[in-house]
């Protein structure tokens, strides 16, 4: 069962999203999935992007779209990392664990659940050593996700490629690797381009560019050219 992060300073937004979730589940049960999804992108919603992604991600999880939920929840996790919000990180990791479990990536699910527990229980000393523990986690769960995604692209299985890249991206956000995140965003941009979603492709490629710029890879490349 998924959780929700309740920002005490934003009760109006919380109420608004609770109402949206109720309406979205009703529309989805009636087979109106497009209308249900559109509710989370309505212009009148006055809320932070991470909050919209969290509720939309939870909606996707509960309606059986775990792969798409991972993309939304990874954004939440990235934001929580940047702002050092332990409670929000815990909730994001918990929901990601559910998504991976639904997709039968059991080792990844166990890793994210471990992080959720560590960040959620502030009385535990585990969260103090969490960053050091990252180095000792097994890499078996990754299974060369990017390589598998590239194989899927060559086989024109773009849905599988996107799923694998989103899984890789959320894992790299957890591990804090900007270079790897940039590579995943770039590959996601390529997949979107191949699918004909050109605006989404440009958006993802721009994210990749900004991350590469942060790590000075763009500058190094320009100097060596």
N, C-alpha and C. Protein backbone atom coordinates (compact mmCIF):
# COMPACT_ATOMS: atom_id res chain seq x y z
N UNK A 1 0.84 -1.19 0.00
CA UNK A 1 0.00 0.00 0.00
C UNK A 1 0.88 1.24 0.00
N UNK A 2 0.56 2.23 -0.86
CA UNK A 2 1.39 3.42 -0.95
C UNK A 2 1.05 4.41 0.14
N UNK A 3 2.00 5.30 0.41
CA UNK A 3 1.81 6.33 1.41
C UNK A 3 1.67 7.67 0.72
N UNK A 4 1.43 8.72 1.50
CA UNK A 4 1.45 10.06 0.94
C UNK A 4 2.16 10.98 1.92
N UNK A 5 2.89 11.92 1.37
CA UNK A 5 3.60 12.89 2.18
C UNK A 5 2.69 14.09 2.35
N UNK A 6 2.34 14.43 3.57
CA UNK A 6 1.39 15.50 3.83
C UNK A 6 2.12 16.74 4.32
N UNK A 7 2.24 17.77 3.49
CA UNK A 7 2.90 19.00 3.91
C UNK A 7 1.97 19.83 4.79
N UNK A 8 2.28 19.93 6.06
CA UNK A 8 1.38 20.58 7.00
C UNK A 8 1.14 22.05 6.68
N UNK A 9 2.07 22.67 5.94
CA UNK A 9 1.94 24.08 5.64
C UNK A 9 1.08 24.33 4.41
N UNK A 10 0.59 23.25 3.74
CA UNK A 10 -0.18 23.42 2.53
C UNK A 10 -1.48 22.61 2.58
N UNK A 11 -2.37 22.89 3.55
CA UNK A 11 -3.60 22.10 3.68
C UNK A 11 -4.53 22.23 2.50
N UNK A 12 -4.56 23.41 1.85
CA UNK A 12 -5.46 23.59 0.71
C UNK A 12 -5.06 22.70 -0.45
N UNK A 13 -3.73 22.63 -0.73
CA UNK A 13 -3.26 21.79 -1.81
C UNK A 13 -3.50 20.32 -1.50
N UNK A 14 -3.31 19.97 -0.22
CA UNK A 14 -3.55 18.58 0.19
C UNK A 14 -4.99 18.20 -0.08
N UNK A 15 -5.93 19.08 0.32
CA UNK A 15 -7.35 18.82 0.10
C UNK A 15 -7.66 18.74 -1.38
N UNK A 16 -7.05 19.63 -2.17
CA UNK A 16 -7.28 19.64 -3.62
C UNK A 16 -6.84 18.32 -4.24
N UNK A 17 -5.67 17.82 -3.86
CA UNK A 17 -5.19 16.57 -4.43
C UNK A 17 -6.00 15.38 -3.94
N UNK A 18 -6.50 15.42 -2.73
CA UNK A 18 -7.35 14.34 -2.24
C UNK A 18 -8.62 14.25 -3.08
N UNK A 19 -9.17 15.43 -3.41
CA UNK A 19 -10.36 15.47 -4.26
C UNK A 19 -10.05 15.00 -5.67
N UNK A 20 -8.88 15.41 -6.18
CA UNK A 20 -8.47 14.99 -7.53
C UNK A 20 -8.30 13.48 -7.58
N UNK A 21 -7.65 12.91 -6.56
CA UNK A 21 -7.47 11.46 -6.52
C UNK A 21 -8.81 10.74 -6.53
N UNK A 22 -9.76 11.23 -5.75
CA UNK A 22 -11.09 10.61 -5.69
C UNK A 22 -11.75 10.64 -7.06
N UNK A 23 -11.71 11.79 -7.72
CA UNK A 23 -12.31 11.93 -9.05
C UNK A 23 -11.57 11.08 -10.08
N UNK A 24 -10.23 11.05 -9.96
CA UNK A 24 -9.43 10.29 -10.92
C UNK A 24 -9.71 8.79 -10.82
N UNK A 25 -9.81 8.27 -9.60
CA UNK A 25 -10.11 6.85 -9.44
C UNK A 25 -11.49 6.52 -10.00
N UNK A 26 -12.43 7.43 -9.82
CA UNK A 26 -13.79 7.20 -10.34
C UNK A 26 -13.78 7.17 -11.86
N UNK A 27 -13.08 8.14 -12.49
CA UNK A 27 -12.99 8.18 -13.94
C UNK A 27 -12.29 6.95 -14.48
N UNK A 28 -11.23 6.55 -13.80
CA UNK A 28 -10.47 5.38 -14.23
C UNK A 28 -11.31 4.12 -14.18
N UNK A 29 -12.13 3.99 -13.14
CA UNK A 29 -13.00 2.82 -13.01
C UNK A 29 -14.07 2.79 -14.09
N UNK A 30 -14.35 3.96 -14.66
CA UNK A 30 -15.33 4.05 -15.75
C UNK A 30 -14.67 3.91 -17.12
N UNK A 31 -13.35 3.65 -17.11
CA UNK A 31 -12.63 3.48 -18.37
C UNK A 31 -12.16 4.77 -19.00
N UNK A 32 -12.29 5.88 -18.29
CA UNK A 32 -11.90 7.19 -18.83
C UNK A 32 -10.51 7.56 -18.31
N UNK A 33 -9.51 6.77 -18.72
CA UNK A 33 -8.16 6.92 -18.19
C UNK A 33 -7.51 8.25 -18.60
N UNK A 34 -7.75 8.67 -19.83
CA UNK A 34 -7.18 9.93 -20.30
C UNK A 34 -7.69 11.11 -19.50
N UNK A 35 -8.98 11.13 -19.24
CA UNK A 35 -9.58 12.21 -18.45
C UNK A 35 -9.05 12.17 -17.01
N UNK A 36 -8.88 10.97 -16.49
CA UNK A 36 -8.37 10.83 -15.12
C UNK A 36 -6.97 11.41 -15.00
N UNK A 37 -6.11 11.10 -15.96
CA UNK A 37 -4.73 11.60 -15.94
C UNK A 37 -4.68 13.11 -16.10
N UNK A 38 -5.57 13.63 -16.95
CA UNK A 38 -5.56 15.07 -17.22
C UNK A 38 -5.84 15.89 -15.97
N UNK A 39 -6.55 15.31 -15.00
CA UNK A 39 -6.87 16.04 -13.77
C UNK A 39 -5.61 16.51 -13.04
N UNK A 40 -4.54 15.72 -13.12
CA UNK A 40 -3.31 16.04 -12.39
C UNK A 40 -2.49 17.13 -13.08
N UNK A 41 -2.89 17.49 -14.30
CA UNK A 41 -2.15 18.51 -15.05
C UNK A 41 -2.99 19.76 -15.28
N UNK A 42 -4.11 19.86 -14.57
CA UNK A 42 -4.99 21.01 -14.74
C UNK A 42 -4.29 22.30 -14.35
N UNK A 43 -4.50 23.35 -15.15
CA UNK A 43 -3.81 24.63 -14.95
C UNK A 43 -4.17 25.28 -13.62
N UNK A 44 -5.37 24.99 -13.12
CA UNK A 44 -5.81 25.67 -11.89
C UNK A 44 -5.19 25.11 -10.62
N UNK A 45 -4.47 24.00 -10.73
CA UNK A 45 -3.83 23.42 -9.54
C UNK A 45 -2.66 24.30 -9.11
N UNK A 46 -2.73 24.81 -7.91
CA UNK A 46 -1.67 25.64 -7.34
C UNK A 46 -0.86 24.79 -6.38
N UNK A 47 0.15 24.11 -6.91
CA UNK A 47 0.96 23.23 -6.07
C UNK A 47 2.34 23.08 -6.68
N UNK A 48 3.27 22.66 -5.84
CA UNK A 48 4.64 22.43 -6.31
C UNK A 48 4.68 21.22 -7.24
N UNK A 49 5.66 21.20 -8.15
CA UNK A 49 5.76 20.12 -9.12
C UNK A 49 5.99 18.77 -8.44
N UNK A 50 6.80 18.75 -7.36
CA UNK A 50 7.07 17.49 -6.68
C UNK A 50 5.79 16.90 -6.10
N UNK A 51 4.90 17.79 -5.64
CA UNK A 51 3.66 17.32 -5.03
C UNK A 51 2.72 16.73 -6.09
N UNK A 52 2.65 17.40 -7.23
CA UNK A 52 1.85 16.87 -8.33
C UNK A 52 2.38 15.50 -8.77
N UNK A 53 3.71 15.40 -8.88
CA UNK A 53 4.32 14.14 -9.29
C UNK A 53 4.06 13.02 -8.28
N UNK A 54 4.08 13.37 -6.99
CA UNK A 54 3.85 12.37 -5.95
C UNK A 54 2.45 11.79 -6.05
N UNK A 55 1.46 12.66 -6.12
CA UNK A 55 0.08 12.18 -6.17
C UNK A 55 -0.22 11.48 -7.50
N UNK A 56 0.31 12.03 -8.59
CA UNK A 56 0.11 11.39 -9.89
C UNK A 56 0.79 10.03 -9.92
N UNK A 57 1.98 9.95 -9.34
CA UNK A 57 2.70 8.68 -9.27
C UNK A 57 1.93 7.64 -8.48
N UNK A 58 1.35 8.06 -7.37
CA UNK A 58 0.57 7.13 -6.56
C UNK A 58 -0.68 6.66 -7.30
N UNK A 59 -1.29 7.59 -8.05
CA UNK A 59 -2.45 7.22 -8.87
C UNK A 59 -2.06 6.16 -9.91
N UNK A 60 -0.93 6.40 -10.58
CA UNK A 60 -0.45 5.45 -11.59
C UNK A 60 -0.16 4.09 -10.97
N UNK A 61 0.44 4.10 -9.77
CA UNK A 61 0.74 2.85 -9.08
C UNK A 61 -0.53 2.05 -8.81
N UNK A 62 -1.53 2.71 -8.27
CA UNK A 62 -2.75 2.02 -7.86
C UNK A 62 -3.60 1.58 -9.04
N UNK A 63 -3.37 2.19 -10.21
CA UNK A 63 -4.17 1.82 -11.39
C UNK A 63 -3.39 0.91 -12.33
N UNK A 64 -2.23 0.41 -11.86
CA UNK A 64 -1.52 -0.61 -12.61
C UNK A 64 -0.48 -0.14 -13.60
N UNK A 65 -0.02 1.10 -13.46
CA UNK A 65 0.99 1.63 -14.39
C UNK A 65 2.29 1.90 -13.65
N UNK A 66 2.90 0.83 -13.16
CA UNK A 66 4.09 0.95 -12.32
C UNK A 66 5.26 1.61 -13.05
N UNK A 67 5.45 1.27 -14.33
CA UNK A 67 6.58 1.83 -15.08
C UNK A 67 6.48 3.35 -15.19
N UNK A 68 5.28 3.84 -15.48
CA UNK A 68 5.08 5.28 -15.58
C UNK A 68 5.18 5.94 -14.21
N UNK A 69 4.74 5.24 -13.18
CA UNK A 69 4.82 5.78 -11.82
C UNK A 69 6.27 6.02 -11.42
N UNK A 70 7.18 5.17 -11.87
CA UNK A 70 8.59 5.30 -11.52
C UNK A 70 9.14 6.65 -11.96
N UNK A 71 8.77 7.09 -13.15
CA UNK A 71 9.25 8.39 -13.65
C UNK A 71 8.81 9.53 -12.74
N UNK A 72 7.54 9.51 -12.33
CA UNK A 72 7.01 10.56 -11.46
C UNK A 72 7.66 10.52 -10.08
N UNK A 73 7.78 9.33 -9.52
CA UNK A 73 8.32 9.18 -8.17
C UNK A 73 9.82 9.45 -8.12
N UNK A 74 10.51 9.21 -9.23
CA UNK A 74 11.94 9.52 -9.29
C UNK A 74 12.16 11.03 -9.22
N UNK A 75 11.27 11.79 -9.83
CA UNK A 75 11.34 13.25 -9.73
C UNK A 75 11.19 13.68 -8.27
N UNK A 76 10.24 13.06 -7.57
CA UNK A 76 10.02 13.37 -6.15
C UNK A 76 11.26 13.05 -5.33
N UNK A 77 11.85 11.88 -5.60
CA UNK A 77 13.05 11.47 -4.86
C UNK A 77 14.20 12.43 -5.12
N UNK A 78 14.36 12.86 -6.36
CA UNK A 78 15.42 13.80 -6.71
C UNK A 78 15.23 15.12 -5.96
N UNK A 79 14.00 15.61 -5.93
CA UNK A 79 13.70 16.85 -5.21
C UNK A 79 13.98 16.69 -3.71
N UNK A 80 13.55 15.57 -3.15
CA UNK A 80 13.75 15.32 -1.72
C UNK A 80 15.23 15.26 -1.38
N UNK A 81 16.03 14.66 -2.28
CA UNK A 81 17.49 14.62 -2.09
C UNK A 81 18.06 16.04 -2.06
N UNK A 82 17.66 16.84 -3.03
CA UNK A 82 18.20 18.20 -3.13
C UNK A 82 17.85 19.04 -1.91
N UNK A 83 16.62 18.86 -1.40
CA UNK A 83 16.15 19.65 -0.26
C UNK A 83 16.44 19.00 1.09
N UNK A 84 17.00 17.78 1.05
CA UNK A 84 17.32 17.01 2.26
C UNK A 84 16.08 16.82 3.15
N UNK A 85 14.99 16.38 2.52
CA UNK A 85 13.74 16.13 3.23
C UNK A 85 13.60 14.63 3.48
N UNK A 86 13.98 14.20 4.67
CA UNK A 86 14.03 12.77 4.98
C UNK A 86 12.66 12.11 4.88
N UNK A 87 11.63 12.77 5.38
CA UNK A 87 10.29 12.18 5.34
C UNK A 87 9.84 11.95 3.90
N UNK A 88 10.08 12.94 3.05
CA UNK A 88 9.67 12.82 1.65
C UNK A 88 10.50 11.76 0.93
N UNK A 89 11.79 11.70 1.25
CA UNK A 89 12.63 10.65 0.66
C UNK A 89 12.10 9.27 1.05
N UNK A 90 11.70 9.13 2.30
CA UNK A 90 11.18 7.85 2.78
C UNK A 90 9.94 7.44 2.01
N UNK A 91 9.02 8.39 1.81
CA UNK A 91 7.78 8.10 1.10
C UNK A 91 8.05 7.77 -0.36
N UNK A 92 8.93 8.54 -1.00
CA UNK A 92 9.26 8.28 -2.40
C UNK A 92 9.88 6.90 -2.56
N UNK A 93 10.81 6.55 -1.67
CA UNK A 93 11.46 5.24 -1.75
C UNK A 93 10.47 4.11 -1.50
N UNK A 94 9.54 4.33 -0.58
CA UNK A 94 8.53 3.32 -0.29
C UNK A 94 7.67 3.05 -1.52
N UNK A 95 7.24 4.12 -2.17
CA UNK A 95 6.41 3.97 -3.37
C UNK A 95 7.19 3.36 -4.53
N UNK A 96 8.47 3.73 -4.65
CA UNK A 96 9.31 3.13 -5.69
C UNK A 96 9.50 1.64 -5.42
N UNK A 97 9.63 1.27 -4.16
CA UNK A 97 9.75 -0.15 -3.81
C UNK A 97 8.51 -0.92 -4.28
N UNK A 98 7.34 -0.32 -4.09
CA UNK A 98 6.10 -0.97 -4.54
C UNK A 98 6.11 -1.13 -6.05
N UNK A 99 6.54 -0.07 -6.75
CA UNK A 99 6.57 -0.12 -8.21
C UNK A 99 7.49 -1.23 -8.71
N UNK A 100 8.69 -1.32 -8.14
CA UNK A 100 9.64 -2.35 -8.56
C UNK A 100 9.13 -3.74 -8.21
N UNK A 101 8.47 -3.85 -7.08
CA UNK A 101 7.92 -5.14 -6.68
C UNK A 101 6.84 -5.59 -7.68
N UNK A 102 6.02 -4.63 -8.11
CA UNK A 102 4.98 -4.94 -9.09
C UNK A 102 5.57 -5.36 -10.43
N UNK A 103 6.76 -4.83 -10.74
CA UNK A 103 7.44 -5.17 -12.00
C UNK A 103 8.36 -6.39 -11.85
N UNK A 104 8.37 -6.95 -10.63
CA UNK A 104 9.15 -8.16 -10.30
C UNK A 104 10.67 -7.91 -10.28
N UNK A 105 11.06 -6.67 -10.01
CA UNK A 105 12.47 -6.36 -9.75
C UNK A 105 12.65 -6.40 -8.23
N UNK A 106 12.71 -7.62 -7.70
CA UNK A 106 12.60 -7.80 -6.26
C UNK A 106 13.80 -7.26 -5.48
N UNK A 107 15.01 -7.40 -6.04
CA UNK A 107 16.18 -6.90 -5.31
C UNK A 107 16.18 -5.38 -5.24
N UNK A 108 15.81 -4.75 -6.36
CA UNK A 108 15.69 -3.29 -6.34
C UNK A 108 14.61 -2.85 -5.35
N UNK A 109 13.51 -3.57 -5.33
CA UNK A 109 12.43 -3.24 -4.40
C UNK A 109 12.93 -3.32 -2.96
N UNK A 110 13.72 -4.35 -2.66
CA UNK A 110 14.25 -4.51 -1.30
C UNK A 110 15.20 -3.37 -0.94
N UNK A 111 16.01 -2.93 -1.90
CA UNK A 111 16.94 -1.83 -1.65
C UNK A 111 16.18 -0.54 -1.35
N UNK A 112 15.17 -0.24 -2.16
CA UNK A 112 14.41 0.99 -1.94
C UNK A 112 13.61 0.92 -0.64
N UNK A 113 13.12 -0.27 -0.31
CA UNK A 113 12.39 -0.40 0.95
C UNK A 113 13.34 -0.18 2.13
N UNK A 114 14.57 -0.64 2.00
CA UNK A 114 15.57 -0.43 3.05
C UNK A 114 15.81 1.06 3.27
N UNK A 115 15.91 1.80 2.17
CA UNK A 115 16.12 3.25 2.28
C UNK A 115 14.89 3.93 2.90
N UNK A 116 13.72 3.46 2.52
CA UNK A 116 12.50 4.05 3.07
C UNK A 116 12.46 3.91 4.58
N UNK A 117 12.81 2.73 5.08
CA UNK A 117 12.81 2.48 6.52
C UNK A 117 13.87 3.35 7.21
N UNK A 118 15.06 3.41 6.60
CA UNK A 118 16.15 4.17 7.23
C UNK A 118 15.83 5.66 7.33
N UNK A 119 15.27 6.22 6.25
CA UNK A 119 14.97 7.66 6.29
C UNK A 119 13.71 7.95 7.09
N UNK A 120 12.83 6.95 7.18
CA UNK A 120 11.57 7.20 7.86
C UNK A 120 11.68 7.13 9.37
N UNK A 121 12.59 6.30 9.88
CA UNK A 121 12.74 6.12 11.32
C UNK A 121 13.90 6.99 11.81
N UNK A 122 13.61 8.21 12.20
CA UNK A 122 14.65 9.15 12.61
C UNK A 122 15.23 8.80 13.98
N UNK A 123 14.63 7.84 14.68
CA UNK A 123 15.19 7.42 15.96
C UNK A 123 16.31 6.40 15.75
N UNK A 124 16.38 5.87 14.51
CA UNK A 124 17.39 4.85 14.21
C UNK A 124 18.70 5.50 13.80
N UNK A 125 19.79 4.85 14.12
CA UNK A 125 21.10 5.36 13.71
C UNK A 125 21.40 5.02 12.26
N UNK A 126 20.56 4.17 11.65
CA UNK A 126 20.85 3.71 10.29
C UNK A 126 20.94 4.86 9.31
N UNK A 127 20.07 5.87 9.46
CA UNK A 127 20.04 6.94 8.47
C UNK A 127 21.33 7.76 8.50
N UNK A 128 22.08 7.69 9.61
CA UNK A 128 23.32 8.45 9.71
C UNK A 128 24.42 7.85 8.85
N UNK A 129 24.33 6.54 8.60
CA UNK A 129 25.37 5.87 7.82
C UNK A 129 24.87 5.46 6.44
N UNK A 130 23.72 5.99 6.05
CA UNK A 130 23.09 5.56 4.81
C UNK A 130 23.96 5.81 3.60
N UNK A 131 24.61 6.99 3.53
CA UNK A 131 25.43 7.30 2.36
C UNK A 131 26.61 6.34 2.24
N UNK A 132 27.19 5.95 3.39
CA UNK A 132 28.31 5.00 3.34
C UNK A 132 27.83 3.61 2.91
N UNK A 133 26.60 3.26 3.31
CA UNK A 133 26.08 1.94 2.98
C UNK A 133 25.84 1.78 1.48
N UNK A 134 25.60 2.89 0.79
CA UNK A 134 25.35 2.84 -0.65
C UNK A 134 26.47 2.11 -1.37
N UNK A 135 27.71 2.36 -0.94
CA UNK A 135 28.87 1.78 -1.62
C UNK A 135 28.92 0.26 -1.50
N UNK A 136 28.22 -0.26 -0.50
CA UNK A 136 28.31 -1.70 -0.25
C UNK A 136 27.09 -2.47 -0.75
N UNK A 137 26.12 -1.74 -1.35
CA UNK A 137 24.95 -2.42 -1.87
C UNK A 137 25.32 -3.21 -3.12
N UNK A 138 24.64 -4.30 -3.33
CA UNK A 138 24.91 -5.14 -4.49
C UNK A 138 24.55 -4.43 -5.78
N UNK A 139 25.38 -4.61 -6.80
CA UNK A 139 25.11 -4.05 -8.12
C UNK A 139 24.35 -5.04 -9.00
N UNK A 140 24.04 -6.21 -8.47
CA UNK A 140 23.37 -7.23 -9.28
C UNK A 140 22.01 -6.75 -9.78
N UNK A 141 21.36 -5.89 -8.97
CA UNK A 141 20.02 -5.44 -9.34
C UNK A 141 20.04 -4.61 -10.61
N UNK A 142 21.14 -3.93 -10.87
CA UNK A 142 21.21 -3.08 -12.05
C UNK A 142 21.20 -3.91 -13.33
N UNK A 143 21.93 -5.03 -13.33
CA UNK A 143 21.95 -5.95 -14.47
C UNK A 143 22.24 -5.23 -15.78
N UNK A 144 23.10 -4.25 -15.69
CA UNK A 144 23.44 -3.44 -16.87
C UNK A 144 22.17 -2.95 -17.55
N UNK A 145 21.37 -2.20 -16.78
CA UNK A 145 20.08 -1.74 -17.29
C UNK A 145 20.21 -0.93 -18.56
N UNK A 146 21.23 -0.07 -18.62
CA UNK A 146 21.42 0.76 -19.82
C UNK A 146 21.72 -0.11 -21.03
N UNK A 147 22.57 -1.13 -20.84
CA UNK A 147 22.87 -2.04 -21.94
C UNK A 147 21.65 -2.78 -22.42
N UNK A 148 20.85 -3.23 -21.47
CA UNK A 148 19.60 -3.93 -21.83
C UNK A 148 18.65 -2.99 -22.55
N UNK A 149 18.63 -1.73 -22.11
CA UNK A 149 17.76 -0.74 -22.76
C UNK A 149 18.22 -0.49 -24.19
N UNK A 150 19.53 -0.41 -24.40
CA UNK A 150 20.05 -0.22 -25.75
C UNK A 150 19.69 -1.39 -26.66
N UNK A 151 19.75 -2.60 -26.11
CA UNK A 151 19.34 -3.78 -26.89
C UNK A 151 17.87 -3.67 -27.28
N UNK A 152 17.06 -3.20 -26.31
CA UNK A 152 15.62 -3.06 -26.57
C UNK A 152 15.37 -2.01 -27.66
N UNK A 153 16.16 -0.93 -27.65
CA UNK A 153 16.02 0.11 -28.67
C UNK A 153 16.32 -0.47 -30.05
N UNK A 154 17.40 -1.26 -30.13
CA UNK A 154 17.77 -1.87 -31.41
C UNK A 154 16.69 -2.82 -31.91
N UNK A 155 15.97 -3.43 -30.97
CA UNK A 155 14.89 -4.34 -31.32
C UNK A 155 13.55 -3.60 -31.49
N UNK A 156 13.62 -2.26 -31.38
CA UNK A 156 12.45 -1.39 -31.51
C UNK A 156 11.38 -1.67 -30.46
N UNK A 157 11.81 -2.20 -29.32
CA UNK A 157 10.90 -2.40 -28.19
C UNK A 157 11.05 -1.17 -27.28
N UNK A 158 10.45 -0.08 -27.70
CA UNK A 158 10.66 1.19 -27.02
C UNK A 158 10.01 1.23 -25.63
N UNK A 159 8.92 0.50 -25.46
CA UNK A 159 8.29 0.46 -24.14
C UNK A 159 9.21 -0.18 -23.11
N UNK A 160 9.84 -1.29 -23.49
CA UNK A 160 10.78 -1.96 -22.58
C UNK A 160 11.99 -1.07 -22.32
N UNK A 161 12.50 -0.44 -23.38
CA UNK A 161 13.67 0.44 -23.23
C UNK A 161 13.36 1.57 -22.25
N UNK A 162 12.18 2.17 -22.39
CA UNK A 162 11.79 3.27 -21.50
C UNK A 162 11.67 2.78 -20.07
N UNK A 163 11.09 1.61 -19.90
CA UNK A 163 10.93 1.05 -18.55
C UNK A 163 12.29 0.83 -17.89
N UNK A 164 13.22 0.23 -18.63
CA UNK A 164 14.56 -0.05 -18.09
C UNK A 164 15.31 1.23 -17.77
N UNK A 165 15.19 2.24 -18.64
CA UNK A 165 15.90 3.50 -18.42
C UNK A 165 15.34 4.26 -17.23
N UNK A 166 14.02 4.21 -17.03
CA UNK A 166 13.42 4.87 -15.87
C UNK A 166 13.84 4.18 -14.58
N UNK A 167 13.96 2.85 -14.62
CA UNK A 167 14.44 2.12 -13.45
C UNK A 167 15.88 2.52 -13.16
N UNK A 168 16.70 2.56 -14.20
CA UNK A 168 18.10 2.96 -14.05
C UNK A 168 18.20 4.38 -13.50
N UNK A 169 17.36 5.28 -14.01
CA UNK A 169 17.39 6.68 -13.58
C UNK A 169 17.09 6.82 -12.10
N UNK A 170 16.04 6.17 -11.65
CA UNK A 170 15.68 6.28 -10.23
C UNK A 170 16.79 5.74 -9.35
N UNK A 171 17.45 4.68 -9.80
CA UNK A 171 18.55 4.10 -9.03
C UNK A 171 19.73 5.06 -8.98
N UNK A 172 20.02 5.71 -10.11
CA UNK A 172 21.14 6.65 -10.14
C UNK A 172 20.85 7.91 -9.32
N UNK A 173 19.59 8.32 -9.26
CA UNK A 173 19.22 9.44 -8.39
C UNK A 173 19.49 9.07 -6.94
N UNK A 174 19.13 7.84 -6.59
CA UNK A 174 19.37 7.35 -5.23
C UNK A 174 20.85 7.34 -4.91
N UNK A 175 21.68 6.96 -5.90
CA UNK A 175 23.12 6.86 -5.70
C UNK A 175 23.82 8.21 -5.90
N UNK A 176 23.12 9.20 -6.44
CA UNK A 176 23.68 10.53 -6.58
C UNK A 176 24.67 10.69 -7.72
N UNK A 177 24.59 9.85 -8.75
CA UNK A 177 25.52 9.94 -9.88
C UNK A 177 24.94 10.83 -10.97
N UNK A 178 25.45 12.06 -11.08
CA UNK A 178 24.94 13.00 -12.08
C UNK A 178 25.27 12.55 -13.50
N UNK A 179 26.47 12.01 -13.70
CA UNK A 179 26.87 11.54 -15.03
C UNK A 179 25.92 10.44 -15.52
N UNK A 180 25.64 9.49 -14.65
CA UNK A 180 24.77 8.38 -15.02
C UNK A 180 23.34 8.87 -15.25
N UNK A 181 22.89 9.84 -14.42
CA UNK A 181 21.56 10.40 -14.63
C UNK A 181 21.46 11.09 -15.98
N UNK A 182 22.51 11.83 -16.34
CA UNK A 182 22.54 12.53 -17.62
C UNK A 182 22.46 11.53 -18.77
N UNK A 183 23.20 10.43 -18.65
CA UNK A 183 23.17 9.41 -19.70
C UNK A 183 21.77 8.81 -19.85
N UNK A 184 21.12 8.56 -18.71
CA UNK A 184 19.77 7.98 -18.76
C UNK A 184 18.77 8.95 -19.38
N UNK A 185 18.86 10.24 -18.98
CA UNK A 185 17.96 11.24 -19.57
C UNK A 185 18.19 11.35 -21.07
N UNK A 186 19.47 11.30 -21.48
CA UNK A 186 19.77 11.37 -22.91
C UNK A 186 19.18 10.20 -23.67
N UNK A 187 19.32 9.00 -23.11
CA UNK A 187 18.76 7.82 -23.75
C UNK A 187 17.23 7.86 -23.77
N UNK A 188 16.64 8.38 -22.69
CA UNK A 188 15.18 8.54 -22.67
C UNK A 188 14.74 9.51 -23.76
N UNK A 189 15.54 10.56 -23.98
CA UNK A 189 15.24 11.51 -25.04
C UNK A 189 15.27 10.85 -26.41
N UNK A 190 16.26 9.98 -26.62
CA UNK A 190 16.37 9.25 -27.89
C UNK A 190 15.14 8.36 -28.09
N UNK A 191 14.75 7.67 -27.03
CA UNK A 191 13.58 6.79 -27.12
C UNK A 191 12.33 7.59 -27.48
N UNK A 192 12.15 8.74 -26.80
CA UNK A 192 10.97 9.57 -27.10
C UNK A 192 11.00 10.05 -28.54
N UNK A 193 12.19 10.40 -29.03
CA UNK A 193 12.32 10.83 -30.42
C UNK A 193 11.94 9.72 -31.39
N UNK A 194 12.40 8.51 -31.10
CA UNK A 194 12.07 7.36 -31.95
C UNK A 194 10.58 7.04 -31.91
N UNK A 195 9.93 7.36 -30.78
CA UNK A 195 8.49 7.13 -30.66
C UNK A 195 7.68 8.24 -31.31
N UNK A 196 8.38 9.33 -31.72
CA UNK A 196 7.68 10.44 -32.35
C UNK A 196 7.23 11.52 -31.40
N UNK A 197 7.61 11.39 -30.12
CA UNK A 197 7.24 12.40 -29.12
C UNK A 197 8.35 13.44 -29.04
N UNK A 198 8.40 14.32 -30.03
CA UNK A 198 9.56 15.18 -30.20
C UNK A 198 9.70 16.25 -29.10
N UNK A 199 8.59 16.79 -28.63
CA UNK A 199 8.67 17.78 -27.56
C UNK A 199 9.21 17.15 -26.27
N UNK A 200 8.73 15.95 -25.98
CA UNK A 200 9.22 15.24 -24.79
C UNK A 200 10.70 14.89 -24.96
N UNK A 201 11.08 14.53 -26.18
CA UNK A 201 12.47 14.20 -26.46
C UNK A 201 13.38 15.39 -26.20
N UNK A 202 12.98 16.56 -26.66
CA UNK A 202 13.77 17.79 -26.45
C UNK A 202 13.88 18.09 -24.96
N UNK A 203 12.77 17.90 -24.22
CA UNK A 203 12.77 18.15 -22.77
C UNK A 203 13.77 17.25 -22.06
N UNK A 204 13.78 15.96 -22.41
CA UNK A 204 14.69 15.01 -21.76
C UNK A 204 16.15 15.28 -22.15
N UNK A 205 16.37 15.59 -23.40
CA UNK A 205 17.74 15.87 -23.86
C UNK A 205 18.28 17.14 -23.21
N UNK A 206 17.39 18.11 -22.96
CA UNK A 206 17.80 19.35 -22.28
C UNK A 206 18.21 19.04 -20.84
N UNK A 207 17.46 18.15 -20.18
CA UNK A 207 17.83 17.73 -18.82
C UNK A 207 19.20 17.07 -18.82
N UNK A 208 19.44 16.24 -19.83
CA UNK A 208 20.75 15.57 -19.94
C UNK A 208 21.86 16.59 -20.12
N UNK A 209 21.60 17.59 -20.97
CA UNK A 209 22.59 18.64 -21.21
C UNK A 209 22.92 19.40 -19.93
N UNK A 210 21.89 19.77 -19.16
CA UNK A 210 22.11 20.53 -17.93
C UNK A 210 22.90 19.72 -16.91
N UNK A 211 22.62 18.43 -16.82
CA UNK A 211 23.36 17.58 -15.89
C UNK A 211 24.81 17.42 -16.33
N UNK A 212 25.03 17.23 -17.62
CA UNK A 212 26.41 17.15 -18.13
C UNK A 212 27.15 18.45 -17.87
N UNK A 213 26.44 19.55 -17.99
CA UNK A 213 27.05 20.86 -17.76
C UNK A 213 27.47 21.01 -16.30
N UNK A 214 26.66 20.47 -15.39
CA UNK A 214 26.98 20.52 -13.97
C UNK A 214 28.27 19.76 -13.66
N UNK A 215 28.47 18.67 -14.37
CA UNK A 215 29.66 17.84 -14.11
C UNK A 215 30.84 18.24 -14.99
N UNK A 216 30.68 19.35 -15.73
CA UNK A 216 31.74 19.92 -16.57
C UNK A 216 32.06 19.06 -17.79
N UNK A 217 31.23 18.05 -18.08
CA UNK A 217 31.49 17.20 -19.24
C UNK A 217 31.35 17.96 -20.55
N UNK A 218 30.43 18.93 -20.58
CA UNK A 218 30.22 19.72 -21.80
C UNK A 218 31.47 20.54 -22.09
N UNK A 219 32.02 21.16 -21.04
CA UNK A 219 33.21 21.99 -21.21
C UNK A 219 34.39 21.15 -21.67
N UNK A 220 34.57 19.99 -21.05
CA UNK A 220 35.69 19.12 -21.41
C UNK A 220 35.55 18.67 -22.87
N UNK A 221 34.30 18.34 -23.25
CA UNK A 221 34.08 17.89 -24.62
C UNK A 221 34.42 19.02 -25.61
N UNK A 222 33.98 20.23 -25.30
CA UNK A 222 34.23 21.36 -26.18
C UNK A 222 35.71 21.63 -26.33
N UNK A 223 36.47 21.49 -25.22
CA UNK A 223 37.89 21.76 -25.26
C UNK A 223 38.65 20.73 -26.06
N UNK A 224 38.12 19.49 -26.06
CA UNK A 224 38.82 18.41 -26.77
C UNK A 224 38.41 18.35 -28.24
N UNK A 225 37.35 19.07 -28.59
CA UNK A 225 36.86 19.02 -29.98
C UNK A 225 37.77 19.80 -30.91
